[in-house]
N, C-alpha and C. Protein backbone atom coordinates (compact mmCIF):
# COMPACT_ATOMS: atom_id res chain seq x y z
N UNK A 1 0.86 -1.18 0.00
CA UNK A 1 0.00 0.00 0.00
C UNK A 1 0.89 1.23 0.00
N UNK A 2 0.55 2.16 -0.86
CA UNK A 2 1.34 3.39 -0.94
C UNK A 2 0.44 4.55 -1.27
N UNK A 3 0.66 5.68 -0.57
CA UNK A 3 -0.01 6.93 -0.91
C UNK A 3 1.05 8.01 -0.99
N UNK A 4 1.00 8.82 -2.05
CA UNK A 4 2.02 9.82 -2.32
C UNK A 4 1.35 11.15 -2.62
N UNK A 5 1.68 12.16 -1.80
CA UNK A 5 1.11 13.48 -1.99
C UNK A 5 1.98 14.33 -2.90
N UNK A 6 1.34 15.28 -3.55
CA UNK A 6 2.06 16.27 -4.36
C UNK A 6 1.22 17.53 -4.45
N UNK A 7 1.87 18.61 -4.88
CA UNK A 7 1.14 19.84 -5.16
C UNK A 7 1.32 20.96 -4.15
N UNK A 8 2.06 20.71 -3.08
CA UNK A 8 2.27 21.77 -2.12
C UNK A 8 3.17 22.86 -2.66
N UNK A 9 3.30 23.93 -1.89
CA UNK A 9 4.17 25.03 -2.32
C UNK A 9 3.93 26.27 -1.51
N UNK A 10 4.43 27.36 -2.06
CA UNK A 10 4.35 28.67 -1.42
C UNK A 10 3.27 29.50 -2.13
N UNK A 11 2.38 30.11 -1.36
CA UNK A 11 1.29 30.88 -1.95
C UNK A 11 0.99 32.08 -1.07
N UNK A 12 0.50 33.14 -1.67
CA UNK A 12 0.13 34.33 -0.91
C UNK A 12 -1.26 34.16 -0.32
N UNK A 13 -1.55 34.90 0.75
CA UNK A 13 -2.91 34.86 1.32
C UNK A 13 -3.95 35.18 0.26
N UNK A 14 -5.04 34.42 0.28
CA UNK A 14 -6.08 34.57 -0.72
C UNK A 14 -5.88 33.71 -1.96
N UNK A 15 -4.73 33.09 -2.06
CA UNK A 15 -4.43 32.27 -3.22
C UNK A 15 -4.99 30.86 -3.11
N UNK A 16 -4.70 30.05 -4.13
CA UNK A 16 -5.22 28.68 -4.22
C UNK A 16 -4.10 27.70 -4.52
N UNK A 17 -4.31 26.48 -4.06
CA UNK A 17 -3.45 25.35 -4.40
C UNK A 17 -4.33 24.12 -4.53
N UNK A 18 -3.85 23.18 -5.32
CA UNK A 18 -4.54 21.89 -5.44
C UNK A 18 -3.55 20.78 -5.10
N UNK A 19 -3.87 20.03 -4.08
CA UNK A 19 -3.05 18.89 -3.69
C UNK A 19 -3.61 17.62 -4.31
N UNK A 20 -2.72 16.70 -4.63
CA UNK A 20 -3.13 15.41 -5.16
C UNK A 20 -2.47 14.29 -4.36
N UNK A 21 -3.17 13.18 -4.29
CA UNK A 21 -2.65 11.99 -3.62
C UNK A 21 -2.84 10.81 -4.56
N UNK A 22 -1.75 10.19 -4.92
CA UNK A 22 -1.78 9.01 -5.77
C UNK A 22 -1.66 7.76 -4.91
N UNK A 23 -2.62 6.85 -5.07
CA UNK A 23 -2.67 5.66 -4.23
C UNK A 23 -2.42 4.41 -5.06
N UNK A 24 -1.83 3.40 -4.43
CA UNK A 24 -1.56 2.14 -5.11
C UNK A 24 -1.47 1.02 -4.09
N UNK A 25 -1.64 -0.20 -4.59
CA UNK A 25 -1.47 -1.37 -3.72
C UNK A 25 -2.73 -1.84 -3.03
N UNK A 26 -3.87 -1.25 -3.35
CA UNK A 26 -5.13 -1.68 -2.77
C UNK A 26 -6.25 -1.26 -3.71
N UNK A 27 -7.47 -1.77 -3.44
CA UNK A 27 -8.62 -1.46 -4.30
C UNK A 27 -9.17 -0.11 -3.87
N UNK A 28 -8.69 0.92 -4.53
CA UNK A 28 -8.91 2.30 -4.13
C UNK A 28 -10.40 2.63 -3.96
N UNK A 29 -11.21 2.18 -4.88
CA UNK A 29 -12.61 2.61 -4.90
C UNK A 29 -13.39 2.11 -3.68
N UNK A 30 -12.85 1.17 -2.95
CA UNK A 30 -13.58 0.60 -1.81
C UNK A 30 -13.39 1.37 -0.52
N UNK A 31 -12.45 2.31 -0.50
CA UNK A 31 -12.06 2.91 0.77
C UNK A 31 -12.24 4.42 0.81
N UNK A 32 -12.66 4.90 1.98
CA UNK A 32 -12.66 6.32 2.22
C UNK A 32 -11.21 6.81 2.30
N UNK A 33 -11.01 8.05 1.90
CA UNK A 33 -9.70 8.68 1.94
C UNK A 33 -9.81 10.02 2.65
N UNK A 34 -8.74 10.40 3.32
CA UNK A 34 -8.77 11.65 4.08
C UNK A 34 -7.51 12.47 3.84
N UNK A 35 -7.64 13.76 4.07
CA UNK A 35 -6.51 14.69 4.16
C UNK A 35 -6.42 15.18 5.59
N UNK A 36 -5.21 15.16 6.11
CA UNK A 36 -4.90 15.73 7.42
C UNK A 36 -3.83 16.79 7.21
N UNK A 37 -3.65 17.62 8.23
CA UNK A 37 -2.55 18.57 8.21
C UNK A 37 -1.96 18.70 9.60
N UNK A 38 -0.70 19.10 9.61
CA UNK A 38 -0.01 19.32 10.88
C UNK A 38 0.85 20.56 10.77
N UNK A 39 0.48 21.56 11.53
CA UNK A 39 1.27 22.77 11.60
C UNK A 39 2.40 22.58 12.60
N UNK A 40 3.44 23.38 12.45
CA UNK A 40 4.60 23.27 13.32
C UNK A 40 4.19 23.43 14.78
N UNK A 41 4.56 22.47 15.62
CA UNK A 41 4.28 22.54 17.04
C UNK A 41 2.87 22.17 17.44
N UNK A 42 2.08 21.69 16.48
CA UNK A 42 0.68 21.34 16.76
C UNK A 42 0.42 19.88 16.39
N UNK A 43 -0.72 19.39 16.84
CA UNK A 43 -1.12 18.03 16.51
C UNK A 43 -1.69 17.92 15.12
N UNK A 44 -1.87 16.70 14.67
CA UNK A 44 -2.41 16.46 13.35
C UNK A 44 -3.92 16.69 13.37
N UNK A 45 -4.41 17.41 12.36
CA UNK A 45 -5.80 17.84 12.28
C UNK A 45 -6.46 17.24 11.05
N UNK A 46 -7.65 16.69 11.21
CA UNK A 46 -8.41 16.21 10.05
C UNK A 46 -8.92 17.40 9.25
N UNK A 47 -8.62 17.41 7.95
CA UNK A 47 -9.07 18.48 7.07
C UNK A 47 -10.34 18.08 6.33
N UNK A 48 -10.33 16.90 5.72
CA UNK A 48 -11.47 16.47 4.92
C UNK A 48 -11.41 14.97 4.68
N UNK A 49 -12.59 14.38 4.53
CA UNK A 49 -12.73 12.96 4.21
C UNK A 49 -13.71 12.81 3.08
N UNK A 50 -13.41 11.89 2.17
CA UNK A 50 -14.37 11.52 1.14
C UNK A 50 -14.64 10.03 1.24
N UNK A 51 -15.91 9.70 1.37
CA UNK A 51 -16.30 8.32 1.62
C UNK A 51 -16.46 7.55 0.32
N UNK A 52 -16.52 6.25 0.48
CA UNK A 52 -16.70 5.38 -0.66
C UNK A 52 -17.72 4.30 -0.29
N UNK A 53 -18.60 3.88 -1.20
CA UNK A 53 -18.66 4.35 -2.59
C UNK A 53 -19.53 5.58 -2.80
N UNK A 54 -20.15 6.10 -1.71
CA UNK A 54 -21.13 7.17 -1.91
C UNK A 54 -20.49 8.46 -2.42
N UNK A 55 -19.24 8.69 -2.06
CA UNK A 55 -18.60 9.94 -2.45
C UNK A 55 -19.00 11.11 -1.59
N UNK A 56 -19.66 10.84 -0.48
CA UNK A 56 -20.02 11.92 0.43
C UNK A 56 -18.76 12.45 1.11
N UNK A 57 -18.83 13.69 1.53
CA UNK A 57 -17.64 14.33 2.10
C UNK A 57 -17.91 14.90 3.48
N UNK A 58 -16.85 14.99 4.25
CA UNK A 58 -16.86 15.66 5.54
C UNK A 58 -15.72 16.66 5.51
N UNK A 59 -16.03 17.91 5.79
CA UNK A 59 -15.03 18.98 5.74
C UNK A 59 -14.86 19.56 7.13
N UNK A 60 -13.63 19.76 7.55
CA UNK A 60 -13.36 20.31 8.86
C UNK A 60 -13.87 21.74 8.98
N UNK A 61 -14.28 22.11 10.17
CA UNK A 61 -14.86 23.43 10.38
C UNK A 61 -13.90 24.55 10.01
N UNK A 62 -12.62 24.36 10.24
CA UNK A 62 -11.66 25.43 10.00
C UNK A 62 -11.45 25.73 8.52
N UNK A 63 -11.86 24.82 7.64
CA UNK A 63 -11.65 25.01 6.21
C UNK A 63 -12.95 24.97 5.42
N UNK A 64 -14.05 24.81 6.10
CA UNK A 64 -15.34 24.70 5.42
C UNK A 64 -15.62 25.94 4.59
N UNK A 65 -16.07 25.70 3.36
CA UNK A 65 -16.36 26.81 2.46
C UNK A 65 -15.15 27.25 1.65
N UNK A 66 -13.97 26.75 1.99
CA UNK A 66 -12.75 27.12 1.26
C UNK A 66 -12.06 25.92 0.61
N UNK A 67 -12.17 24.78 1.22
CA UNK A 67 -11.51 23.56 0.72
C UNK A 67 -12.55 22.58 0.19
N UNK A 68 -12.17 21.84 -0.85
CA UNK A 68 -13.03 20.82 -1.43
C UNK A 68 -12.22 19.56 -1.66
N UNK A 69 -12.77 18.43 -1.26
CA UNK A 69 -12.10 17.15 -1.50
C UNK A 69 -12.85 16.40 -2.60
N UNK A 70 -12.08 15.73 -3.45
CA UNK A 70 -12.70 14.96 -4.53
C UNK A 70 -11.83 13.73 -4.81
N UNK A 71 -12.41 12.79 -5.56
CA UNK A 71 -11.64 11.59 -5.89
C UNK A 71 -11.95 11.18 -7.31
N UNK A 72 -10.98 10.52 -7.92
CA UNK A 72 -11.13 9.98 -9.25
C UNK A 72 -10.75 8.50 -9.16
N UNK A 73 -11.75 7.64 -9.03
CA UNK A 73 -11.47 6.22 -8.81
C UNK A 73 -10.73 5.58 -9.97
N UNK A 74 -11.01 6.04 -11.19
CA UNK A 74 -10.35 5.46 -12.36
C UNK A 74 -8.84 5.72 -12.34
N UNK A 75 -8.45 6.80 -11.66
CA UNK A 75 -7.03 7.18 -11.61
C UNK A 75 -6.40 6.89 -10.26
N UNK A 76 -7.18 6.37 -9.31
CA UNK A 76 -6.68 6.09 -7.95
C UNK A 76 -6.09 7.35 -7.31
N UNK A 77 -6.82 8.45 -7.46
CA UNK A 77 -6.33 9.69 -6.88
C UNK A 77 -7.41 10.38 -6.05
N UNK A 78 -6.97 11.11 -5.06
CA UNK A 78 -7.84 11.97 -4.27
C UNK A 78 -7.18 13.34 -4.24
N UNK A 79 -7.99 14.37 -4.39
CA UNK A 79 -7.46 15.73 -4.48
C UNK A 79 -8.06 16.62 -3.40
N UNK A 80 -7.34 17.67 -3.09
CA UNK A 80 -7.81 18.68 -2.15
C UNK A 80 -7.62 20.04 -2.81
N UNK A 81 -8.72 20.67 -3.19
CA UNK A 81 -8.69 22.02 -3.75
C UNK A 81 -8.79 23.01 -2.60
N UNK A 82 -7.80 23.88 -2.50
CA UNK A 82 -7.74 24.82 -1.39
C UNK A 82 -7.79 26.23 -1.94
N UNK A 83 -8.85 26.94 -1.61
CA UNK A 83 -9.05 28.31 -2.07
C UNK A 83 -9.02 29.28 -0.89
N UNK A 84 -8.77 30.54 -1.21
CA UNK A 84 -8.73 31.59 -0.18
C UNK A 84 -7.84 31.16 0.99
N UNK A 85 -6.65 30.73 0.67
CA UNK A 85 -5.72 30.27 1.69
C UNK A 85 -5.31 31.40 2.62
N UNK A 86 -5.15 31.04 3.88
CA UNK A 86 -4.76 31.99 4.91
C UNK A 86 -3.50 31.49 5.61
N UNK A 87 -2.85 32.37 6.35
CA UNK A 87 -1.61 32.00 6.99
C UNK A 87 -1.78 30.80 7.93
N UNK A 88 -2.95 30.70 8.53
CA UNK A 88 -3.19 29.58 9.46
C UNK A 88 -3.34 28.24 8.76
N UNK A 89 -3.38 28.26 7.44
CA UNK A 89 -3.42 27.01 6.68
C UNK A 89 -2.01 26.44 6.44
N UNK A 90 -1.00 27.19 6.82
CA UNK A 90 0.37 26.71 6.67
C UNK A 90 0.58 25.45 7.49
N UNK A 91 1.00 24.39 6.83
CA UNK A 91 1.16 23.09 7.49
C UNK A 91 1.72 22.08 6.49
N UNK A 92 2.08 20.93 7.01
CA UNK A 92 2.34 19.78 6.15
C UNK A 92 1.02 19.03 6.00
N UNK A 93 0.66 18.75 4.75
CA UNK A 93 -0.61 18.09 4.46
C UNK A 93 -0.34 16.63 4.10
N UNK A 94 -1.13 15.75 4.72
CA UNK A 94 -0.94 14.31 4.56
C UNK A 94 -2.20 13.66 3.99
N UNK A 95 -2.00 12.71 3.14
CA UNK A 95 -3.06 11.85 2.64
C UNK A 95 -3.10 10.61 3.54
N UNK A 96 -4.31 10.16 3.86
CA UNK A 96 -4.45 9.02 4.76
C UNK A 96 -5.48 8.03 4.26
N UNK A 97 -5.12 6.75 4.39
CA UNK A 97 -6.03 5.64 4.14
C UNK A 97 -6.20 4.87 5.45
N UNK A 98 -7.46 4.59 5.79
CA UNK A 98 -7.73 3.72 6.92
C UNK A 98 -8.25 2.40 6.37
N UNK A 99 -7.49 1.34 6.55
CA UNK A 99 -7.82 0.06 5.95
C UNK A 99 -7.56 -1.04 6.96
N UNK A 100 -8.60 -1.82 7.25
CA UNK A 100 -8.49 -2.95 8.17
C UNK A 100 -7.89 -2.52 9.51
N UNK A 101 -8.31 -1.35 9.98
CA UNK A 101 -7.87 -0.87 11.27
C UNK A 101 -6.47 -0.29 11.30
N UNK A 102 -5.85 -0.16 10.14
CA UNK A 102 -4.49 0.37 10.09
C UNK A 102 -4.49 1.65 9.27
N UNK A 103 -3.74 2.64 9.75
CA UNK A 103 -3.64 3.91 9.05
C UNK A 103 -2.38 3.94 8.18
N UNK A 104 -2.58 4.29 6.93
CA UNK A 104 -1.47 4.46 6.00
C UNK A 104 -1.32 5.94 5.69
N UNK A 105 -0.10 6.43 5.76
CA UNK A 105 0.18 7.85 5.54
C UNK A 105 1.20 8.03 4.43
N UNK A 106 1.06 9.14 3.72
CA UNK A 106 2.10 9.53 2.80
C UNK A 106 3.18 10.30 3.54
N UNK A 107 4.14 10.80 2.76
CA UNK A 107 5.27 11.53 3.35
C UNK A 107 4.91 12.98 3.64
N UNK A 108 3.79 13.43 3.10
CA UNK A 108 3.35 14.80 3.33
C UNK A 108 3.87 15.77 2.28
N UNK A 109 3.15 16.87 2.13
CA UNK A 109 3.56 17.94 1.23
C UNK A 109 3.36 19.27 1.96
N UNK A 110 4.37 20.12 1.90
CA UNK A 110 4.35 21.38 2.64
C UNK A 110 3.54 22.44 1.90
N UNK A 111 2.66 23.09 2.63
CA UNK A 111 1.92 24.26 2.13
C UNK A 111 2.29 25.43 3.02
N UNK A 112 2.79 26.49 2.41
CA UNK A 112 3.17 27.69 3.15
C UNK A 112 2.43 28.88 2.57
N UNK A 113 1.68 29.56 3.42
CA UNK A 113 0.91 30.73 3.00
C UNK A 113 1.54 31.95 3.65
N UNK A 114 2.12 32.81 2.84
CA UNK A 114 2.81 33.97 3.36
C UNK A 114 2.84 35.08 2.33
N UNK A 115 2.81 36.32 2.82
CA UNK A 115 2.92 37.45 1.91
C UNK A 115 4.37 37.87 1.76
């Protein structure tokens, strides 16, 4: 099982980024996928989850209305569209799979929001 994030970078306040997570080694369409983030000196925070097979989503209160999670089962990818980014969104963003009671994490991708 492998999940690999990409798409992080440096952006100004009010800007946008799109993160992607490429998954392999399991039947992607059967599992919910999540994005978490961890800011320096803080704990890991759930950002968004997309369920399977319904495709319903759960968005964290701190990003609601600004972030959107989506998935493309044919490509084994899950994305996080982040709009109107603010300095408090600065963090390492992780893709997560929960499968058979075990959590799989990617290496993370850094998002830095600064003017």
